[in-house]
Amino acid sequence: MPISAFTTGFALGATLIIAIGAQNAFVLRQGLRREHVLIIVAFCALADLLLIGAGVAGVARVLGEAPRLTLALTVAGMIFLAWYGIRALARARRASSMSVEEGASRISIRSAVAQAAGFTFLNPHVYLDTVLLMGSIGARQPADLRFWFVGGAAAASGAWFTTLGFGARLLRPVFRTSRAWQVLDTLVGLTMLALAANLLGKLY
């Protein structure tokens, strides 16, 4: 039954996606600043769709048999997360730059997409969740229902990123002070460094 496969994919996707992580923190920050939100939301949702679809199509098995590729992704992800975490902590120290006014310290579309791509494709956890876990579960679905499973998972991803990106504006009154931005960037920075440390621990 297509509905069953769709709801299974949606429920699993929502469970894995709705969590505090590097990608979600970035989408939230862009939503608060109203910077290229539609593009970032669309990019993240489309990336999840491609990764989940690839996993169901068989990439999960390929990655599971390529330990060197997994190691390379882990190292790259650790470096990227550590770099962004340090930048976030540095921003937190500059209270004067924490303005939520539109147009203040805006980043270009290219930079925003590049950072979103980094949080998406340089994060080994993304591959574990979307390609390996969801891919392996989706591959167990009957062949004629896999499309619906991927569609359900992609729908959960799209709904979450849309809510996070565009719903963030409801929190804008809280972030009209420099202090609130300092707290947010401190939490983001510490989260990124913790994730980087977690990846480092997996190398040993």
Protein backbone atom coordinates (compact mmCIF):
# COMPACT_ATOMS: atom_id res chain seq x y z
CA MET A 1 0.00 0.00 0.00
CA PRO A 2 1.63 3.31 -1.07
CA ILE A 3 0.28 5.22 1.95
CA SER A 4 2.00 2.82 4.33
CA ALA A 5 5.36 3.21 2.57
CA PHE A 6 4.92 7.00 2.45
CA THR A 7 4.11 7.29 6.16
CA THR A 8 6.99 4.98 7.05
CA GLY A 9 9.41 7.17 5.12
CA PHE A 10 7.90 10.34 6.58
CA ALA A 11 8.07 9.09 10.17
CA LEU A 12 11.64 7.84 9.83
CA GLY A 13 12.75 11.01 8.05
CA ALA A 14 11.21 13.25 10.70
CA THR A 15 12.80 11.24 13.50
CA LEU A 16 16.29 11.56 12.02
CA ILE A 17 16.08 15.13 10.71
CA ILE A 18 14.49 16.92 13.68
CA ALA A 19 17.53 17.09 15.91
CA ILE A 20 20.10 19.69 16.96
CA GLY A 21 22.88 19.59 14.42
CA ALA A 22 25.16 21.68 12.26
CA GLN A 23 22.81 21.91 9.29
CA ASN A 24 19.77 22.81 11.37
CA ALA A 25 21.70 25.43 13.32
CA PHE A 26 22.79 27.07 10.06
CA VAL A 27 19.24 27.09 8.64
CA LEU A 28 17.95 28.60 11.89
CA ARG A 29 20.55 31.37 11.84
CA GLN A 30 19.81 32.23 8.21
CA GLY A 31 16.11 32.25 9.01
CA LEU A 32 16.62 34.67 11.87
CA ARG A 33 18.64 36.96 9.64
CA ARG A 34 16.27 36.50 6.65
CA GLU A 35 19.20 35.81 4.37
CA HIS A 36 18.51 33.67 1.29
CA VAL A 37 16.10 31.53 3.32
CA LEU A 38 14.16 30.09 0.36
CA ILE A 39 17.35 29.05 -1.43
CA ILE A 40 18.85 27.49 1.69
CA VAL A 41 15.64 25.61 2.55
CA ALA A 42 15.26 24.35 -1.03
CA PHE A 43 18.92 23.30 -1.19
CA CYS A 44 18.78 21.32 2.07
CA ALA A 45 15.50 19.61 1.16
CA LEU A 46 16.72 18.73 -2.34
CA ALA A 47 20.02 17.42 -0.96
CA ASP A 48 18.15 15.14 1.42
CA LEU A 49 15.97 13.90 -1.43
CA LEU A 50 19.03 13.05 -3.54
CA LEU A 51 20.89 11.37 -0.68
CA ILE A 52 17.90 9.30 0.44
CA GLY A 53 17.12 8.33 -3.14
CA ALA A 54 20.74 7.36 -3.73
CA GLY A 55 20.76 5.30 -0.56
CA VAL A 56 17.62 3.40 -1.55
CA ALA A 57 19.09 2.89 -5.03
CA GLY A 58 22.12 1.08 -3.60
CA VAL A 59 24.76 3.63 -2.65
CA ALA A 60 24.40 2.54 0.98
CA ARG A 61 25.97 -0.81 0.13
CA VAL A 62 28.80 0.88 -1.79
CA LEU A 63 29.66 3.24 1.09
CA GLY A 64 29.50 0.38 3.57
CA GLU A 65 32.22 -1.36 1.59
CA ALA A 66 34.46 1.74 1.26
CA PRO A 67 36.13 2.40 4.63
CA ARG A 68 38.66 4.82 3.13
CA LEU A 69 35.91 7.00 1.72
CA THR A 70 34.19 6.98 5.09
CA LEU A 71 37.46 8.01 6.75
CA ALA A 72 37.98 10.86 4.26
CA LEU A 73 34.45 12.15 4.86
CA THR A 74 35.00 12.00 8.61
CA VAL A 75 38.24 14.00 8.48
CA ALA A 76 36.78 16.59 6.10
CA GLY A 77 33.68 16.95 8.23
CA MET A 78 35.70 17.33 11.41
CA ILE A 79 37.81 20.13 9.91
CA PHE A 80 34.79 21.96 8.49
CA LEU A 81 32.78 21.78 11.72
CA ALA A 82 35.75 22.91 13.81
CA TRP A 83 36.36 25.85 11.44
CA TYR A 84 32.74 26.99 11.57
CA GLY A 85 32.56 26.50 15.34
CA ILE A 86 35.58 28.72 15.88
CA ARG A 87 34.07 31.36 13.59
CA ALA A 88 30.79 31.27 15.51
CA LEU A 89 32.58 31.75 18.83
CA ALA A 90 34.55 34.62 17.32
CA ARG A 91 31.28 36.26 16.21
CA ALA A 92 29.91 35.87 19.72
CA ARG A 93 32.74 38.03 21.06
CA ARG A 94 31.87 40.90 18.71
CA ALA A 95 28.58 42.11 20.16
CA SER A 96 28.47 45.12 17.85
CA SER A 97 28.16 42.88 14.78
CA MET A 98 25.13 40.97 16.06
CA SER A 99 22.47 43.03 14.32
CA VAL A 100 19.30 41.42 13.02
CA GLU A 101 18.54 44.33 10.75
CA GLU A 102 18.08 43.18 7.20
CA GLY A 103 21.08 44.01 5.05
CA ALA A 104 23.53 44.08 7.98
CA SER A 105 26.63 41.97 7.38
CA ARG A 106 24.83 39.95 4.73
CA ILE A 107 26.56 37.06 3.05
CA SER A 108 26.28 36.39 -0.68
CA ILE A 109 24.04 33.70 -2.13
CA ARG A 110 27.14 31.82 -3.27
CA SER A 111 28.60 31.88 0.24
CA ALA A 112 25.31 30.81 1.81
CA VAL A 113 24.90 27.87 -0.57
CA ALA A 114 28.56 26.89 -0.13
CA GLN A 115 28.14 26.79 3.64
CA ALA A 116 24.89 24.83 3.34
CA ALA A 117 26.67 22.38 1.04
CA GLY A 118 29.47 22.01 3.57
CA PHE A 119 27.07 21.26 6.42
CA THR A 120 25.26 18.78 4.19
CA PHE A 121 27.93 16.91 2.27
CA LEU A 122 30.89 17.19 4.67
CA ASN A 123 28.94 15.83 7.62
CA PRO A 124 29.38 12.04 7.92
CA HIS A 125 26.27 11.88 10.10
CA VAL A 126 24.20 12.98 7.10
CA TYR A 127 25.40 9.93 5.16
CA LEU A 128 24.80 7.64 8.13
CA ASP A 129 21.23 8.92 8.49
CA THR A 130 20.10 9.44 4.91
CA VAL A 131 22.20 7.11 2.77
CA LEU A 132 23.03 4.21 5.06
CA LEU A 133 20.15 4.00 7.55
CA MET A 134 17.24 5.29 5.46
CA GLY A 135 18.72 3.79 2.32
CA SER A 136 18.97 0.33 3.83
CA ILE A 137 15.43 0.50 5.25
CA GLY A 138 14.01 1.89 2.03
CA ALA A 139 15.77 -0.79 -0.02
CA ARG A 140 13.83 -3.42 1.96
CA GLN A 141 10.55 -1.98 0.69
CA PRO A 142 8.95 -3.74 -2.28
CA ALA A 143 10.35 -2.33 -5.51
CA ASP A 144 7.07 -0.68 -6.48
CA LEU A 145 6.83 1.11 -3.10
CA ARG A 146 10.34 2.52 -2.80
CA PHE A 147 9.33 5.68 -4.64
CA TRP A 148 6.67 6.33 -2.00
CA PHE A 149 9.12 5.69 0.83
CA VAL A 150 11.59 8.22 -0.61
CA GLY A 151 8.74 10.66 -1.20
CA GLY A 152 7.61 10.40 2.42
CA ALA A 153 11.12 10.94 3.75
CA ALA A 154 11.66 13.89 1.39
CA ALA A 155 8.32 15.40 2.46
CA ALA A 156 9.41 15.25 6.12
CA SER A 157 12.69 16.91 5.23
CA GLY A 158 11.01 19.66 3.21
CA ALA A 159 8.42 20.33 5.92
CA TRP A 160 11.08 20.53 8.64
CA PHE A 161 13.46 22.87 6.81
CA THR A 162 10.57 25.09 5.71
CA THR A 163 9.32 25.34 9.28
CA LEU A 164 12.80 25.97 10.66
CA GLY A 165 13.83 28.52 8.05
CA PHE A 166 10.63 30.54 7.73
CA GLY A 167 9.38 29.94 11.27
CA ALA A 168 12.57 31.42 12.70
CA ARG A 169 11.20 34.92 12.03
CA LEU A 170 8.78 34.38 14.92
CA LEU A 171 11.82 34.48 17.20
CA ARG A 172 13.13 37.74 15.76
CA PRO A 173 11.79 39.88 18.65
CA VAL A 174 13.98 37.83 20.99
CA PHE A 175 17.02 38.43 18.79
CA ARG A 176 16.78 42.21 18.59
CA THR A 177 19.54 42.49 21.17
CA SER A 178 23.22 41.80 20.68
CA ARG A 179 23.20 39.63 23.79
CA ALA A 180 20.73 37.16 22.24
CA TRP A 181 22.92 36.77 19.16
CA GLN A 182 25.95 36.23 21.38
CA VAL A 183 24.13 33.41 23.17
CA LEU A 184 22.99 31.84 19.89
CA ASP A 185 26.43 31.97 18.29
CA THR A 186 28.03 30.63 21.46
CA LEU A 187 25.63 27.66 21.46
CA VAL A 188 26.17 27.11 17.74
CA GLY A 189 29.95 27.32 18.12
CA LEU A 190 30.01 24.88 21.03
CA THR A 191 27.69 22.50 19.16
CA MET A 192 29.95 22.52 16.09
CA LEU A 193 33.08 21.91 18.18
CA ALA A 194 31.34 19.10 20.07
CA LEU A 195 30.37 17.46 16.77
CA ALA A 196 33.95 17.87 15.51
CA ALA A 197 35.29 16.30 18.72
CA ASN A 198 32.83 13.43 18.30
CA LEU A 199 34.15 12.79 14.79
CA LEU A 200 37.73 12.99 16.06
CA GLY A 201 36.93 10.35 18.64
CA LYS A 202 35.75 8.03 15.88
CA LEU A 203 39.16 8.18 14.21
CA TYR A 204 40.76 6.37 17.15
